[in-house]
Amino acid sequence: MTELLSFGALVLIAIAVTEVGKKAGLPKRIIPIVALVVGFCLTLIANLTGITELTIITGIAVGCAAAGTFDIAKISILGK
C-alpha cells in the first residue's frame, strides 16, 4: 500500500513540474520528454537504494503517467 501511495505522490509532483515547464514556455513537443526525465529523477530521489531495474521501470512509469494523466484529464474535462 505504501508503494502505491508513493507512486501516486510522485505522479502528482511530476504533473506539477511538467505544468510549470509548460507555463514557462517549453515547446509542446518536448513536454513528454520532460515528464519522463522528471519522473525518473523523482523516482531516483525517492529511492535512495540506488539505480536498479525496478527504479528505472518505475521512473518511466511515473513519467508516462504524468504525461498521460494530464492529457486525459484535459480531454475529458475541457473537451479539447
N, C-alpha and C. Protein backbone atom coordinates (compact mmCIF):
# COMPACT_ATOMS: atom_id res chain seq x y z
N MET A 1 0.82 -1.20 0.00
CA MET A 1 0.00 0.00 0.00
C MET A 1 0.86 1.26 0.00
N THR A 2 1.96 1.21 0.73
CA THR A 2 2.84 2.38 0.80
C THR A 2 3.44 2.70 -0.56
N GLU A 3 3.80 1.65 -1.32
CA GLU A 3 4.38 1.87 -2.64
C GLU A 3 3.39 2.54 -3.58
N LEU A 4 2.12 2.15 -3.47
CA LEU A 4 1.09 2.73 -4.33
C LEU A 4 0.88 4.20 -3.99
N LEU A 5 0.89 4.54 -2.71
CA LEU A 5 0.74 5.94 -2.32
C LEU A 5 1.94 6.78 -2.76
N SER A 6 3.13 6.23 -2.63
CA SER A 6 4.30 6.99 -3.05
C SER A 6 4.32 7.15 -4.57
N PHE A 7 3.87 6.13 -5.31
CA PHE A 7 3.79 6.25 -6.76
C PHE A 7 2.83 7.37 -7.15
N GLY A 8 1.67 7.41 -6.49
CA GLY A 8 0.70 8.47 -6.77
C GLY A 8 1.24 9.84 -6.45
N ALA A 9 1.96 9.95 -5.35
CA ALA A 9 2.55 11.24 -4.98
C ALA A 9 3.60 11.66 -6.00
N LEU A 10 4.41 10.73 -6.46
CA LEU A 10 5.42 11.06 -7.47
C LEU A 10 4.78 11.50 -8.78
N VAL A 11 3.68 10.86 -9.14
CA VAL A 11 2.97 11.26 -10.37
C VAL A 11 2.43 12.68 -10.23
N LEU A 12 1.85 12.99 -9.08
CA LEU A 12 1.32 14.34 -8.86
C LEU A 12 2.42 15.39 -8.90
N ILE A 13 3.56 15.10 -8.31
CA ILE A 13 4.68 16.05 -8.34
C ILE A 13 5.18 16.21 -9.77
N ALA A 14 5.28 15.11 -10.52
CA ALA A 14 5.74 15.18 -11.90
C ALA A 14 4.77 15.99 -12.76
N ILE A 15 3.47 15.84 -12.52
CA ILE A 15 2.47 16.64 -13.24
C ILE A 15 2.68 18.12 -12.95
N ALA A 16 2.90 18.45 -11.69
CA ALA A 16 3.09 19.85 -11.30
C ALA A 16 4.34 20.44 -11.94
N VAL A 17 5.43 19.70 -11.93
CA VAL A 17 6.68 20.21 -12.52
C VAL A 17 6.53 20.35 -14.03
N THR A 18 5.85 19.41 -14.65
CA THR A 18 5.63 19.50 -16.10
C THR A 18 4.76 20.70 -16.45
N GLU A 19 3.76 20.97 -15.62
CA GLU A 19 2.91 22.15 -15.84
C GLU A 19 3.72 23.43 -15.72
N VAL A 20 4.63 23.49 -14.78
CA VAL A 20 5.49 24.67 -14.63
C VAL A 20 6.31 24.85 -15.90
N GLY A 21 6.81 23.74 -16.45
CA GLY A 21 7.55 23.82 -17.71
C GLY A 21 6.70 24.33 -18.85
N LYS A 22 5.45 23.91 -18.90
CA LYS A 22 4.54 24.41 -19.94
C LYS A 22 4.30 25.90 -19.79
N LYS A 23 4.07 26.33 -18.55
CA LYS A 23 3.83 27.76 -18.30
C LYS A 23 5.07 28.59 -18.57
N ALA A 24 6.25 27.97 -18.43
CA ALA A 24 7.50 28.69 -18.68
C ALA A 24 7.78 28.85 -20.17
N GLY A 25 7.00 28.16 -21.00
CA GLY A 25 7.14 28.34 -22.44
C GLY A 25 7.90 27.24 -23.16
N LEU A 26 8.04 26.08 -22.54
CA LEU A 26 8.69 24.97 -23.24
C LEU A 26 7.83 24.54 -24.42
N PRO A 27 8.45 24.15 -25.53
CA PRO A 27 7.67 23.68 -26.68
C PRO A 27 6.87 22.43 -26.33
N LYS A 28 5.67 22.34 -26.87
CA LYS A 28 4.78 21.22 -26.53
C LYS A 28 5.34 19.88 -26.96
N ARG A 29 6.19 19.85 -27.96
CA ARG A 29 6.70 18.57 -28.44
C ARG A 29 7.71 17.95 -27.49
N ILE A 30 8.31 18.73 -26.58
CA ILE A 30 9.28 18.15 -25.65
C ILE A 30 8.70 17.93 -24.25
N ILE A 31 7.44 18.28 -24.04
CA ILE A 31 6.81 18.09 -22.73
C ILE A 31 6.80 16.62 -22.32
N PRO A 32 6.48 15.65 -23.20
CA PRO A 32 6.54 14.25 -22.77
C PRO A 32 7.94 13.82 -22.34
N ILE A 33 8.96 14.33 -23.01
CA ILE A 33 10.34 14.01 -22.63
C ILE A 33 10.65 14.60 -21.26
N VAL A 34 10.20 15.82 -21.03
CA VAL A 34 10.38 16.46 -19.72
C VAL A 34 9.69 15.65 -18.64
N ALA A 35 8.47 15.16 -18.93
CA ALA A 35 7.74 14.35 -17.96
C ALA A 35 8.49 13.07 -17.64
N LEU A 36 9.07 12.43 -18.64
CA LEU A 36 9.85 11.21 -18.41
C LEU A 36 11.08 11.49 -17.56
N VAL A 37 11.80 12.54 -17.89
CA VAL A 37 13.00 12.88 -17.12
C VAL A 37 12.66 13.24 -15.69
N VAL A 38 11.62 14.05 -15.51
CA VAL A 38 11.21 14.44 -14.16
C VAL A 38 10.76 13.21 -13.37
N GLY A 39 9.97 12.34 -13.99
CA GLY A 39 9.53 11.12 -13.31
C GLY A 39 10.69 10.24 -12.91
N PHE A 40 11.66 10.09 -13.79
CA PHE A 40 12.83 9.28 -13.48
C PHE A 40 13.65 9.90 -12.36
N CYS A 41 13.87 11.20 -12.41
CA CYS A 41 14.64 11.89 -11.36
C CYS A 41 13.93 11.83 -10.01
N LEU A 42 12.62 12.02 -10.01
CA LEU A 42 11.87 11.94 -8.76
C LEU A 42 11.94 10.54 -8.16
N THR A 43 11.88 9.54 -9.01
CA THR A 43 11.97 8.16 -8.53
C THR A 43 13.35 7.88 -7.95
N LEU A 44 14.39 8.41 -8.59
CA LEU A 44 15.74 8.24 -8.04
C LEU A 44 15.89 8.92 -6.68
N ILE A 45 15.31 10.09 -6.55
CA ILE A 45 15.37 10.81 -5.28
C ILE A 45 14.60 10.06 -4.20
N ALA A 46 13.44 9.53 -4.56
CA ALA A 46 12.61 8.82 -3.58
C ALA A 46 13.21 7.47 -3.19
N ASN A 47 13.93 6.85 -4.12
CA ASN A 47 14.52 5.54 -3.86
C ASN A 47 16.02 5.73 -3.62
N LEU A 48 16.41 5.77 -2.38
CA LEU A 48 17.81 6.06 -2.04
C LEU A 48 18.71 4.84 -2.08
N THR A 49 18.18 3.69 -2.50
CA THR A 49 18.99 2.47 -2.52
C THR A 49 19.83 2.35 -3.77
N GLY A 50 19.66 3.23 -4.71
CA GLY A 50 20.47 3.20 -5.92
C GLY A 50 19.64 2.89 -7.15
N ILE A 51 20.31 2.80 -8.26
CA ILE A 51 19.63 2.53 -9.53
C ILE A 51 19.52 1.02 -9.71
N THR A 52 18.29 0.56 -9.78
CA THR A 52 18.02 -0.85 -10.07
C THR A 52 17.07 -0.91 -11.26
N GLU A 53 16.80 -2.11 -11.72
CA GLU A 53 15.87 -2.27 -12.84
C GLU A 53 14.49 -1.75 -12.46
N LEU A 54 14.08 -2.03 -11.21
CA LEU A 54 12.77 -1.58 -10.75
C LEU A 54 12.70 -0.05 -10.69
N THR A 55 13.79 0.59 -10.28
CA THR A 55 13.82 2.05 -10.23
C THR A 55 13.66 2.65 -11.62
N ILE A 56 14.33 2.07 -12.58
CA ILE A 56 14.24 2.56 -13.96
C ILE A 56 12.83 2.40 -14.50
N ILE A 57 12.24 1.23 -14.29
CA ILE A 57 10.88 0.98 -14.78
C ILE A 57 9.88 1.89 -14.08
N THR A 58 10.03 2.06 -12.77
CA THR A 58 9.13 2.92 -12.02
C THR A 58 9.26 4.37 -12.47
N GLY A 59 10.48 4.83 -12.71
CA GLY A 59 10.69 6.19 -13.19
C GLY A 59 10.02 6.44 -14.52
N ILE A 60 10.15 5.48 -15.41
CA ILE A 60 9.50 5.62 -16.72
C ILE A 60 7.98 5.61 -16.56
N ALA A 61 7.48 4.74 -15.67
CA ALA A 61 6.03 4.67 -15.45
C ALA A 61 5.50 5.98 -14.84
N VAL A 62 6.25 6.57 -13.93
CA VAL A 62 5.83 7.84 -13.33
C VAL A 62 5.78 8.93 -14.40
N GLY A 63 6.81 8.99 -15.24
CA GLY A 63 6.82 10.00 -16.31
C GLY A 63 5.70 9.81 -17.30
N CYS A 64 5.46 8.57 -17.71
CA CYS A 64 4.36 8.29 -18.65
C CYS A 64 3.01 8.59 -18.02
N ALA A 65 2.85 8.24 -16.76
CA ALA A 65 1.59 8.52 -16.08
C ALA A 65 1.37 10.02 -15.95
N ALA A 66 2.43 10.75 -15.67
CA ALA A 66 2.30 12.21 -15.54
C ALA A 66 1.89 12.84 -16.86
N ALA A 67 2.51 12.42 -17.95
CA ALA A 67 2.18 12.99 -19.26
C ALA A 67 0.78 12.57 -19.69
N GLY A 68 0.44 11.31 -19.50
CA GLY A 68 -0.85 10.80 -19.95
C GLY A 68 -2.01 11.25 -19.10
N THR A 69 -1.81 11.34 -17.80
CA THR A 69 -2.89 11.74 -16.89
C THR A 69 -3.37 13.14 -17.20
N PHE A 70 -2.45 14.05 -17.42
CA PHE A 70 -2.84 15.42 -17.71
C PHE A 70 -3.59 15.50 -19.03
N ASP A 71 -3.12 14.79 -20.05
CA ASP A 71 -3.78 14.84 -21.35
C ASP A 71 -5.18 14.24 -21.29
N ILE A 72 -5.34 13.13 -20.58
CA ILE A 72 -6.66 12.51 -20.46
C ILE A 72 -7.62 13.43 -19.71
N ALA A 73 -7.14 14.04 -18.63
CA ALA A 73 -7.99 14.95 -17.86
C ALA A 73 -8.38 16.17 -18.70
N LYS A 74 -7.44 16.68 -19.48
CA LYS A 74 -7.72 17.84 -20.31
C LYS A 74 -8.77 17.52 -21.36
N ILE A 75 -8.68 16.34 -21.95
CA ILE A 75 -9.63 15.94 -22.98
C ILE A 75 -11.02 15.73 -22.38
N SER A 76 -11.08 15.04 -21.23
CA SER A 76 -12.39 14.71 -20.68
C SER A 76 -13.06 15.91 -20.02
N ILE A 77 -12.29 16.80 -19.41
CA ILE A 77 -12.88 17.94 -18.71
C ILE A 77 -13.14 19.10 -19.67
N LEU A 78 -12.16 19.43 -20.46
CA LEU A 78 -12.28 20.60 -21.32
C LEU A 78 -12.82 20.27 -22.71
N GLY A 79 -12.78 19.00 -23.09
CA GLY A 79 -13.28 18.62 -24.40
C GLY A 79 -12.39 19.04 -25.53
N LYS A 80 -11.08 19.16 -25.27
CA LYS A 80 -10.14 19.57 -26.32
C LYS A 80 -9.36 18.39 -26.81
